[in-house]
Amino acid sequence: MAAKLRVHPAFYRRMRHYRDRIALRDDRPQVARSITHAAQETVSHLLERPLLGHSARFESPDLSDILRFAVPGFQIFAIFYRWDGETLTVITLEHGAQDLPSRLAQILGFR
């Protein structure tokens, strides 16, 4: 089990963004609640077993240690995180159609 959990503010911003977009714009509030719940449960699961994810395979050395885990039931969404052996750092929740390396570099301040 991870000794510590650190959650980047971008994770909460993206969760709200997707929740609101799906609930309001797409008029699917139940789906929005389900995605939010699934993402939160995934973080809890990763806290118990942080090595479940796999490398996000970003080429940039600044991003090379980032892991990715798809949200069960919503495979188009993934949680991006780091695990250093003691701390699980949840970075963000992203839709798979994003320019992910640029998005994560921006979140982490590499741009």
Protein backbone atom coordinates (compact mmCIF):
# COMPACT_ATOMS: atom_id res chain seq x y z
CA MET A 1 0.00 0.00 0.00
CA ALA A 2 1.23 3.50 -0.79
CA ALA A 3 2.28 5.34 2.32
CA LYS A 4 1.21 8.71 0.95
CA LEU A 5 -1.23 10.14 -1.57
CA ARG A 6 -0.65 13.44 -3.31
CA VAL A 7 -3.22 14.75 -5.76
CA HIS A 8 -2.32 17.52 -8.18
CA PRO A 9 -5.00 20.25 -8.46
CA ALA A 10 -5.27 19.48 -12.19
CA PHE A 11 -6.89 16.14 -11.34
CA TYR A 12 -9.78 17.87 -9.56
CA ARG A 13 -10.10 20.49 -12.30
CA ARG A 14 -10.32 17.84 -15.02
CA MET A 15 -12.80 15.75 -13.02
CA ARG A 16 -15.06 18.81 -12.68
CA HIS A 17 -14.57 19.67 -16.34
CA TYR A 18 -15.61 16.22 -17.58
CA ARG A 19 -18.41 15.91 -15.03
CA ASP A 20 -19.90 19.25 -16.01
CA ARG A 21 -19.43 18.74 -19.73
CA ILE A 22 -21.11 15.35 -19.71
CA ALA A 23 -23.87 16.34 -17.30
CA LEU A 24 -24.72 19.73 -18.81
CA ARG A 25 -23.61 19.79 -22.42
CA ASP A 26 -24.33 16.17 -23.20
CA ASP A 27 -27.33 16.07 -20.83
CA ARG A 28 -26.24 12.82 -19.19
CA PRO A 29 -26.01 13.52 -15.44
CA GLN A 30 -26.03 9.84 -14.43
CA VAL A 31 -23.09 9.10 -16.71
CA ALA A 32 -21.25 12.13 -15.28
CA ARG A 33 -21.76 10.82 -11.74
CA SER A 34 -20.63 7.35 -12.81
CA ILE A 35 -17.41 8.62 -14.37
CA THR A 36 -16.63 10.73 -11.31
CA HIS A 37 -17.25 7.78 -9.00
CA ALA A 38 -15.20 5.42 -11.18
CA ALA A 39 -12.26 7.85 -11.26
CA GLN A 40 -12.33 8.25 -7.46
CA GLU A 41 -12.52 4.49 -6.99
CA THR A 42 -9.61 4.05 -9.39
CA VAL A 43 -7.44 6.38 -7.31
CA SER A 44 -8.30 4.36 -4.19
CA HIS A 45 -7.45 1.17 -6.05
CA LEU A 46 -4.14 2.60 -7.26
CA LEU A 47 -3.31 3.65 -3.72
CA GLU A 48 -3.57 -0.01 -2.75
CA ARG A 49 -1.73 -1.30 -5.84
CA PRO A 50 0.20 1.54 -7.50
CA LEU A 51 1.99 -0.68 -10.00
CA LEU A 52 -1.25 -1.67 -11.77
CA GLY A 53 -0.71 1.05 -14.34
CA HIS A 54 1.74 0.95 -17.19
CA SER A 55 4.18 3.44 -18.61
CA ALA A 56 2.51 6.26 -20.52
CA ARG A 57 5.53 6.00 -22.85
CA PHE A 58 6.15 9.70 -23.22
CA GLU A 59 9.42 10.50 -24.97
CA SER A 60 10.30 13.55 -22.89
CA PRO A 61 12.70 12.72 -20.05
CA ASP A 62 10.60 14.95 -17.76
CA LEU A 63 7.58 12.71 -18.37
CA SER A 64 9.23 9.32 -18.72
CA ASP A 65 8.25 8.12 -15.23
CA ILE A 66 4.53 8.82 -15.64
CA LEU A 67 2.20 5.85 -15.42
CA ARG A 68 -1.25 5.52 -16.96
CA PHE A 69 -4.28 3.55 -15.85
CA ALA A 70 -7.60 3.47 -17.73
CA VAL A 71 -10.72 4.17 -15.71
CA PRO A 72 -12.72 0.90 -15.58
CA GLY A 73 -15.96 1.18 -17.50
CA PHE A 74 -14.73 4.35 -19.21
CA GLN A 75 -11.64 3.17 -21.06
CA ILE A 76 -11.36 6.38 -23.06
CA PHE A 77 -10.42 8.16 -19.80
CA ALA A 78 -7.14 7.53 -18.02
CA ILE A 79 -5.54 8.62 -14.79
CA PHE A 80 -1.92 9.71 -15.11
CA TYR A 81 0.26 9.39 -12.04
CA ARG A 82 3.70 8.84 -10.60
CA TRP A 83 4.81 6.26 -8.05
CA ASP A 84 8.16 6.68 -6.32
CA GLY A 85 7.90 3.70 -3.99
CA GLU A 86 6.42 5.78 -1.16
CA THR A 87 4.07 8.36 -2.66
CA LEU A 88 1.36 7.99 -5.27
CA THR A 89 1.10 11.34 -7.05
CA VAL A 90 -2.08 11.57 -9.09
CA ILE A 91 -1.50 14.15 -11.81
CA THR A 92 -4.62 14.31 -13.94
CA LEU A 93 -7.58 12.59 -15.53
CA GLU A 94 -7.58 12.88 -19.31
CA HIS A 95 -9.63 11.85 -22.29
CA GLY A 96 -7.56 9.76 -24.69
CA ALA A 97 -8.08 12.18 -27.59
CA GLN A 98 -5.92 14.89 -25.97
CA ASP A 99 -2.36 15.80 -26.95
CA LEU A 100 -1.25 14.04 -23.80
CA PRO A 101 2.49 14.82 -23.67
CA SER A 102 1.83 18.54 -24.15
CA ARG A 103 -1.03 18.50 -21.66
CA LEU A 104 1.02 16.81 -18.94
CA ALA A 105 4.07 18.98 -19.57
CA GLN A 106 1.87 22.03 -19.17
CA ILE A 107 0.30 20.74 -15.94
CA LEU A 108 3.68 19.89 -14.46
CA GLY A 109 5.24 23.19 -15.50
CA PHE A 110 7.70 21.89 -18.09
CA ARG A 111 6.52 24.42 -20.69
